[in-house]
Amino acid sequence: MGLQHGELLRHEIHDLIDAIHHHVLRGQPGAGGWATRRAVRSVAGMMATQVPDRYRRELSGIAQAADVSYRDLLLISCFDDVLANLRLLGAMFGRLGCSAFALTADRTANGELVCGRNLDYFVSSAQGDDPWAATNYMKEHVAVIEFAPTDKPTFVSVGWPGFIGAATALNDRGLMVSSLTVATYGNWPLATPATFTYRRVMEEARTLDEAIAMIRRARRTQGNNVMVGSGDEGTAAVIECTPQRSAVRLPRNGWVAATNHFQHPEMVRRHPRSAFLSSTERLARLGELCGSDGACSAEVAGMSGFLTDLQRRTPGANEYCTVLNPCTVYSTLFAPRQRRLWVRAADCADRSFQEIAWL
């Protein structure tokens, strides 16, 4: 699969690596730029030792076929984990939030689970460039890649060329996963980068309970809220986790939602500072949308409006407090029982959702 991936997306992978070198590794001049490169490479190197062997072989195949550096490819798949373990760099690059929701089968008009997620991110551009240049690059180069291993389930992952993890994914067993970053202390680089753990869920879990157990047992690098759903079971859950602990939130009144702070009482008690205005406002708005009468009557495609919602709830809310906001890179809507998903890249305002044909 790595050789195929590298051959098919050779030019796109080269472009993405050039962008990472320009904006991230060499984006800041002088001693600060040197320290950034050393820190990023060091942390990524520690994480490399914890990546399962089959994924390292796949990355090697991409590197060979695309004629790029293995360590650059590794950085693509563990970029968020690296920044999470370099808190000062994470603040400098301005990692912002994501939003996700799930409506269970007993809540929807067609009697099946519907899930949605926005991946939001902001990466500071190289000094002298437009501040949004790097983030806009991410929006303009979203890729949906189908992975079809011979001895494991087929799945699709929404990401970028050269990315082999699963931050947003759906498999042919009707399981979906979406991960959302939570800023926490106590992050740990000698653990498996998060998107590789979620890829294992896509390849190995058969039920929602198995998916939850795999995430809770994993060696984790950082804080995450992880939405997992099972179309055949008609329900979903959110695993709130740090490297040290985890808790599970189940749907209430037919829905569950997550942004970038913890809500489970045990996690809130231990991490009271995880909430910030943008995250709490987006979560409250998702609650209004999921709890409305319209959520019960809307068809699947109609729920894409949840992900493009621009309403500000309070006078103090800014443009980053809306579900769709300037940092949204892409939106994904899932109908897991049907094994269907729709993706909207956020590179232009009039972009529509496109269904991904993969089975």
Protein backbone atom coordinates (compact mmCIF):
# COMPACT_ATOMS: atom_id res chain seq x y z
CA MET A 1 0.00 0.00 0.00
CA GLY A 2 2.86 2.38 0.73
CA LEU A 3 4.38 1.89 -2.71
CA GLN A 4 0.99 2.48 -4.35
CA HIS A 5 0.34 5.56 -2.21
CA GLY A 6 3.73 7.06 -3.00
CA GLU A 7 3.42 6.38 -6.72
CA LEU A 8 -0.12 7.74 -7.07
CA LEU A 9 0.45 10.91 -5.01
CA ARG A 10 4.14 11.49 -5.66
CA HIS A 11 3.87 15.14 -6.74
CA GLU A 12 1.30 16.03 -4.08
CA ILE A 13 3.47 14.51 -1.33
CA HIS A 14 6.47 16.52 -2.53
CA ASP A 15 4.40 19.71 -2.45
CA LEU A 16 3.16 19.03 1.08
CA ILE A 17 6.64 18.32 2.41
CA ASP A 18 7.93 21.49 0.77
CA ALA A 19 5.15 23.43 2.53
CA ILE A 20 6.04 21.88 5.92
CA HIS A 21 9.70 22.76 5.44
CA HIS A 22 8.85 26.31 4.40
CA HIS A 23 6.24 27.17 7.03
CA VAL A 24 7.14 24.98 10.02
CA LEU A 25 10.71 23.73 9.98
CA ARG A 26 12.27 26.82 8.40
CA GLY A 27 9.49 29.33 8.92
CA GLN A 28 11.22 31.26 11.69
CA PRO A 29 14.73 32.64 11.21
CA GLY A 30 17.74 32.59 13.49
CA ALA A 31 18.07 30.75 16.78
CA GLY A 32 14.31 30.33 17.13
CA GLY A 33 14.08 28.53 13.80
CA TRP A 34 17.04 26.30 14.67
CA ALA A 35 15.43 25.40 18.02
CA THR A 36 12.12 24.64 16.31
CA ARG A 37 13.74 22.23 13.86
CA ARG A 38 15.70 20.45 16.59
CA ALA A 39 12.67 20.15 18.89
CA VAL A 40 10.30 18.90 16.19
CA ARG A 41 12.76 16.32 14.87
CA SER A 42 13.68 15.10 18.35
CA VAL A 43 10.11 14.56 19.50
CA ALA A 44 9.09 12.93 16.20
CA GLY A 45 12.11 10.63 16.53
CA MET A 46 11.00 9.50 19.98
CA MET A 47 7.49 8.78 18.69
CA ALA A 48 8.88 6.84 15.73
CA THR A 49 10.03 4.08 18.08
CA GLN A 50 6.42 3.56 19.20
CA VAL A 51 4.83 3.28 15.74
CA PRO A 52 3.70 -0.29 14.92
CA ASP A 53 6.04 -2.05 12.51
CA ARG A 54 3.47 -2.47 9.73
CA TYR A 55 2.95 1.30 9.59
CA ARG A 56 6.69 1.93 9.51
CA ARG A 57 6.97 -0.43 6.55
CA GLU A 58 4.11 1.39 4.82
CA LEU A 59 5.81 4.76 5.37
CA SER A 60 9.03 3.29 3.98
CA GLY A 61 7.13 2.23 0.87
CA ILE A 62 5.76 5.73 0.37
CA ALA A 63 9.22 7.23 0.90
CA GLN A 64 10.71 4.86 -1.69
CA ALA A 65 8.03 5.37 -4.34
CA ALA A 66 7.72 9.15 -3.88
CA ASP A 67 11.47 9.67 -3.35
CA VAL A 68 11.04 11.63 -0.11
CA SER A 69 12.43 11.41 3.40
CA TYR A 70 10.95 8.82 5.77
CA ARG A 71 11.20 11.22 8.71
CA ASP A 72 9.27 13.90 6.78
CA LEU A 73 6.50 11.38 6.12
CA LEU A 74 6.45 10.40 9.79
CA LEU A 75 6.01 14.06 10.73
CA ILE A 76 2.95 14.35 8.47
CA SER A 77 1.17 11.58 10.38
CA CYS A 78 2.15 12.70 13.91
CA PHE A 79 2.24 16.48 13.44
CA ASP A 80 -0.43 17.23 16.05
CA ASP A 81 1.17 14.87 18.60
CA VAL A 82 4.52 16.61 18.15
CA LEU A 83 3.04 20.07 18.72
CA ALA A 84 1.06 18.79 21.72
CA ASN A 85 4.32 17.65 23.32
CA LEU A 86 5.99 20.98 22.57
CA ARG A 87 3.57 23.27 24.35
CA LEU A 88 5.38 26.50 23.48
CA LEU A 89 5.46 25.55 19.82
CA GLY A 90 1.84 24.46 20.01
CA ALA A 91 0.91 27.90 21.30
CA MET A 92 3.03 29.58 18.63
CA PHE A 93 1.38 27.63 15.83
CA GLY A 94 -2.04 28.32 17.31
CA ARG A 95 -3.67 24.90 17.33
CA LEU A 96 -7.38 25.60 17.51
CA GLY A 97 -10.41 23.47 17.91
CA CYS A 98 -12.65 20.95 16.21
CA SER A 99 -16.33 20.06 16.58
CA ALA A 100 -18.13 16.71 16.37
CA PHE A 101 -21.63 15.36 16.96
CA ALA A 102 -23.55 12.10 16.73
CA LEU A 103 -27.31 11.52 16.59
CA THR A 104 -28.25 7.96 17.54
CA ALA A 105 -30.63 5.74 15.58
CA ASP A 106 -33.57 6.46 17.87
CA ARG A 107 -33.15 10.20 17.28
CA THR A 108 -33.04 10.43 13.47
CA ALA A 109 -35.74 10.37 10.81
CA ASN A 110 -34.31 7.35 9.00
CA GLY A 111 -33.60 5.37 12.17
CA GLU A 112 -29.84 5.19 11.84
CA LEU A 113 -26.75 6.79 13.35
CA VAL A 114 -25.59 10.07 11.80
CA CYS A 115 -22.25 11.65 12.75
CA GLY A 116 -20.45 14.79 11.69
CA ARG A 117 -17.17 16.54 12.37
CA ASN A 118 -15.28 19.71 11.51
CA LEU A 119 -11.51 19.58 11.68
CA ASP A 120 -10.26 23.05 12.63
CA TYR A 121 -6.60 24.03 12.65
CA PHE A 122 -4.41 27.09 12.36
CA VAL A 123 -0.73 26.85 11.54
CA SER A 124 1.29 30.07 11.54
CA SER A 125 2.89 30.80 8.20
CA ALA A 126 6.56 31.44 7.56
CA GLN A 127 7.80 34.84 8.61
CA GLY A 128 6.96 37.39 5.92
CA ASP A 129 4.11 35.33 4.40
CA ASP A 130 0.39 35.97 4.76
CA PRO A 131 -0.49 34.65 8.26
CA TRP A 132 -3.15 32.37 6.73
CA ALA A 133 -0.98 30.95 3.93
CA ALA A 134 -0.09 27.70 5.74
CA THR A 135 -3.64 27.07 6.96
CA ASN A 136 -5.04 27.83 3.51
CA TYR A 137 -2.60 25.30 2.07
CA MET A 138 -4.08 22.65 4.38
CA LYS A 139 -7.59 23.55 3.18
CA GLU A 140 -6.62 23.40 -0.49
CA HIS A 141 -4.89 20.00 -0.32
CA VAL A 142 -7.34 17.78 1.59
CA ALA A 143 -7.18 14.19 0.36
CA VAL A 144 -9.52 11.24 0.98
CA ILE A 145 -7.55 8.00 0.71
CA GLU A 146 -8.93 4.47 0.62
CA PHE A 147 -6.83 1.84 2.41
CA ALA A 148 -7.52 -1.76 1.42
CA PRO A 149 -5.18 -4.15 3.27
CA THR A 150 -5.54 -7.77 2.22
CA ASP A 151 -6.19 -9.12 5.71
CA LYS A 152 -8.05 -6.24 7.39
CA PRO A 153 -11.15 -4.13 6.76
CA THR A 154 -11.10 -1.51 4.02
CA PHE A 155 -11.44 2.05 5.30
CA VAL A 156 -11.27 5.64 4.08
CA SER A 157 -9.30 8.34 5.87
CA VAL A 158 -9.72 12.09 5.38
CA GLY A 159 -6.34 13.80 5.59
CA TRP A 160 -3.53 14.84 3.25
CA PRO A 161 -1.18 13.21 0.72
CA GLY A 162 1.32 11.00 2.56
CA PHE A 163 -0.81 10.86 5.73
CA ILE A 164 -1.50 7.25 6.76
CA GLY A 165 -3.20 7.74 10.13
CA ALA A 166 -6.90 8.11 10.90
CA ALA A 167 -8.05 11.41 12.38
CA THR A 168 -11.36 11.15 10.48
CA ALA A 169 -12.22 7.72 9.09
CA LEU A 170 -14.93 5.15 8.26
CA ASN A 171 -14.47 1.42 7.63
CA ASP A 172 -16.48 -1.24 5.85
CA ARG A 173 -17.74 -2.58 9.20
CA GLY A 174 -19.63 0.68 9.71
CA LEU A 175 -17.28 2.01 12.41
CA MET A 176 -16.25 5.66 12.31
CA VAL A 177 -13.72 7.67 14.30
CA SER A 178 -13.02 11.39 14.69
CA SER A 179 -10.36 12.83 16.99
CA LEU A 180 -10.32 16.30 18.56
CA THR A 181 -7.32 17.77 20.37
CA VAL A 182 -7.59 18.85 24.02
CA ALA A 183 -4.73 20.94 25.42
CA THR A 184 -3.43 19.12 28.50
CA TYR A 185 -0.34 18.99 30.69
CA GLY A 186 1.56 15.77 31.18
CA ASN A 187 1.76 14.84 27.50
CA TRP A 188 4.26 12.10 26.72
CA PRO A 189 6.29 11.55 23.52
CA LEU A 190 7.26 7.92 24.16
CA ALA A 191 3.86 6.62 23.09
CA THR A 192 2.00 5.79 19.89
CA PRO A 193 0.96 8.88 17.89
CA ALA A 194 -2.81 9.22 18.18
CA THR A 195 -3.77 8.79 14.54
CA PHE A 196 -1.97 5.43 14.39
CA THR A 197 -4.03 4.24 17.35
CA TYR A 198 -7.24 5.31 15.63
CA ARG A 199 -6.13 3.55 12.45
CA ARG A 200 -5.76 0.36 14.49
CA VAL A 201 -9.39 0.84 15.53
CA MET A 202 -10.38 1.01 11.86
CA GLU A 203 -8.44 -2.18 11.08
CA GLU A 204 -9.08 -4.33 14.14
CA ALA A 205 -12.21 -3.34 16.10
CA ARG A 206 -15.48 -5.14 15.33
CA THR A 207 -17.82 -3.37 17.72
CA LEU A 208 -18.16 -0.03 19.48
CA ASP A 209 -17.08 -1.58 22.78
CA GLU A 210 -13.96 -3.03 21.17
CA ALA A 211 -13.10 0.37 19.69
CA ILE A 212 -13.51 2.07 23.07
CA ALA A 213 -11.39 -0.56 24.81
CA MET A 214 -8.58 -0.26 22.25
CA ILE A 215 -8.36 3.52 22.70
CA ARG A 216 -8.45 3.30 26.49
CA ARG A 217 -5.72 0.63 26.57
CA ALA A 218 -3.41 2.44 24.12
CA ARG A 219 -0.23 4.25 25.09
CA ARG A 220 -1.24 7.85 24.41
CA THR A 221 0.81 10.95 23.63
CA GLN A 222 -1.68 13.75 24.35
CA GLY A 223 -5.16 14.83 25.35
CA ASN A 224 -7.95 13.95 22.93
CA ASN A 225 -11.71 13.74 22.69
CA VAL A 226 -12.41 10.80 20.37
CA MET A 227 -15.82 10.29 18.79
CA VAL A 228 -16.42 6.66 17.80
CA GLY A 229 -19.63 5.36 16.27
CA SER A 230 -21.08 2.08 15.03
CA GLY A 231 -23.64 2.25 12.26
CA ASP A 232 -24.79 -1.33 12.78
CA GLU A 233 -25.30 -0.71 16.51
CA GLY A 234 -26.87 2.71 15.90
CA THR A 235 -24.95 4.55 18.60
CA ALA A 236 -21.74 6.38 19.41
CA ALA A 237 -19.56 7.47 22.34
CA VAL A 238 -16.87 10.01 23.18
CA ILE A 239 -13.68 8.85 24.87
CA GLU A 240 -12.03 11.68 26.80
CA CYS A 241 -8.39 10.86 27.40
CA THR A 242 -4.95 12.03 28.42
CA PRO A 243 -1.79 9.91 28.54
CA GLN A 244 -2.63 9.02 32.16
CA ARG A 245 -6.41 8.47 32.25
CA SER A 246 -9.62 8.22 30.26
CA ALA A 247 -13.39 8.34 30.65
CA VAL A 248 -16.32 7.60 28.37
CA ARG A 249 -19.38 9.76 27.66
CA LEU A 250 -22.43 8.09 26.17
CA PRO A 251 -25.31 9.77 24.33
CA ARG A 252 -28.06 11.45 26.34
CA ASN A 253 -31.47 12.16 24.80
CA GLY A 254 -30.25 10.61 21.57
CA TRP A 255 -27.13 12.67 20.93
CA VAL A 256 -23.57 13.32 22.04
CA ALA A 257 -21.16 16.09 21.00
CA ALA A 258 -17.57 17.12 21.62
CA THR A 259 -15.29 20.07 21.00
CA ASN A 260 -11.92 20.76 22.64
CA HIS A 261 -12.49 20.47 26.37
CA PHE A 262 -13.47 17.68 28.73
CA GLN A 263 -17.00 17.24 30.04
CA HIS A 264 -16.92 13.99 32.00
CA PRO A 265 -16.97 14.95 35.72
CA GLU A 266 -13.84 12.97 36.53
CA MET A 267 -11.89 14.53 33.67
CA VAL A 268 -13.16 18.04 34.48
CA ARG A 269 -12.08 17.60 38.10
CA ARG A 270 -8.54 16.73 37.05
CA HIS A 271 -8.31 19.15 34.10
CA PRO A 272 -10.44 22.18 34.99
CA ARG A 273 -8.56 24.52 32.65
CA SER A 274 -9.26 22.61 29.45
CA ALA A 275 -12.31 24.75 28.55
CA PHE A 276 -11.98 28.03 26.63
CA LEU A 277 -14.56 30.34 25.05
CA SER A 278 -14.44 29.06 21.47
CA SER A 279 -14.74 25.45 22.62
CA THR A 280 -17.59 26.01 25.07
CA GLU A 281 -19.54 28.16 22.60
CA ARG A 282 -19.24 25.63 19.79
CA LEU A 283 -20.28 22.83 22.09
CA ALA A 284 -23.32 24.75 23.32
CA ARG A 285 -24.36 25.50 19.74
CA LEU A 286 -24.02 21.83 18.75
CA GLY A 287 -26.24 21.00 21.73
CA GLU A 288 -28.90 23.40 20.45
CA LEU A 289 -28.75 21.89 16.97
CA CYS A 290 -28.76 18.25 18.10
CA GLY A 291 -31.52 18.84 20.64
CA SER A 292 -33.83 20.66 18.24
CA ASP A 293 -36.97 19.20 16.70
CA GLY A 294 -35.36 19.65 13.30
CA ALA A 295 -32.71 17.12 14.16
CA CYS A 296 -35.37 14.42 14.45
CA SER A 297 -36.95 15.14 11.08
CA ALA A 298 -33.95 16.00 8.90
CA GLU A 299 -32.61 13.56 6.35
CA VAL A 300 -28.90 12.71 6.51
CA ALA A 301 -27.84 15.24 3.89
CA GLY A 302 -29.79 17.96 5.68
CA MET A 303 -27.61 17.54 8.77
CA SER A 304 -24.66 18.93 6.86
CA GLY A 305 -26.07 22.28 7.93
CA PHE A 306 -24.95 21.51 11.48
CA LEU A 307 -21.34 21.64 10.27
CA THR A 308 -21.72 24.87 8.29
CA ASP A 309 -23.61 26.72 11.03
CA LEU A 310 -22.43 30.32 11.55
CA GLN A 311 -24.65 31.43 14.43
CA ARG A 312 -23.00 33.18 17.38
CA ARG A 313 -24.80 32.44 20.62
CA THR A 314 -23.70 35.33 22.81
CA PRO A 315 -22.67 38.98 22.32
CA GLY A 316 -19.13 38.21 23.46
CA ALA A 317 -18.64 35.42 20.93
CA ASN A 318 -16.18 36.02 18.09
CA GLU A 319 -15.86 34.43 14.65
CA TYR A 320 -14.00 31.44 16.10
CA CYS A 321 -16.97 30.56 18.32
CA THR A 322 -19.12 29.32 15.43
CA VAL A 323 -19.20 25.66 14.37
CA LEU A 324 -17.90 26.64 10.92
CA ASN A 325 -15.17 29.21 11.45
CA PRO A 326 -12.04 30.59 9.74
CA CYS A 327 -9.94 27.69 11.08
CA THR A 328 -12.18 24.94 9.66
CA VAL A 329 -10.07 22.89 7.23
CA TYR A 330 -12.71 20.34 6.23
CA SER A 331 -16.11 18.98 7.27
CA THR A 332 -17.21 15.33 7.13
CA LEU A 333 -20.71 13.85 7.47
CA PHE A 334 -21.14 10.10 8.09
CA ALA A 335 -24.00 7.66 7.59
CA PRO A 336 -22.06 4.66 8.98
CA ARG A 337 -24.74 2.00 8.57
CA GLN A 338 -24.85 2.78 4.85
CA ARG A 339 -21.01 3.04 4.74
CA ARG A 340 -21.41 6.52 3.24
CA LEU A 341 -19.62 9.79 3.91
CA TRP A 342 -19.59 13.29 2.49
CA VAL A 343 -16.65 15.71 2.67
CA ARG A 344 -16.49 19.48 2.24
CA ALA A 345 -13.09 21.15 1.94
CA ALA A 346 -13.19 24.67 3.38
CA ASP A 347 -10.97 26.26 0.74
CA CYS A 348 -13.78 28.43 -0.64
CA ALA A 349 -17.09 29.65 0.76
CA ASP A 350 -19.31 28.11 -1.93
CA ARG A 351 -17.80 24.63 -1.71
CA SER A 352 -20.47 21.93 -1.32
CA PHE A 353 -20.34 18.50 0.32
CA GLN A 354 -19.20 15.73 -2.02
CA GLU A 355 -20.07 12.11 -1.46
CA ILE A 356 -17.04 9.82 -1.48
CA ALA A 357 -17.58 6.66 -3.53
CA TRP A 358 -15.32 4.00 -2.06
CA LEU A 359 -17.13 0.63 -1.81
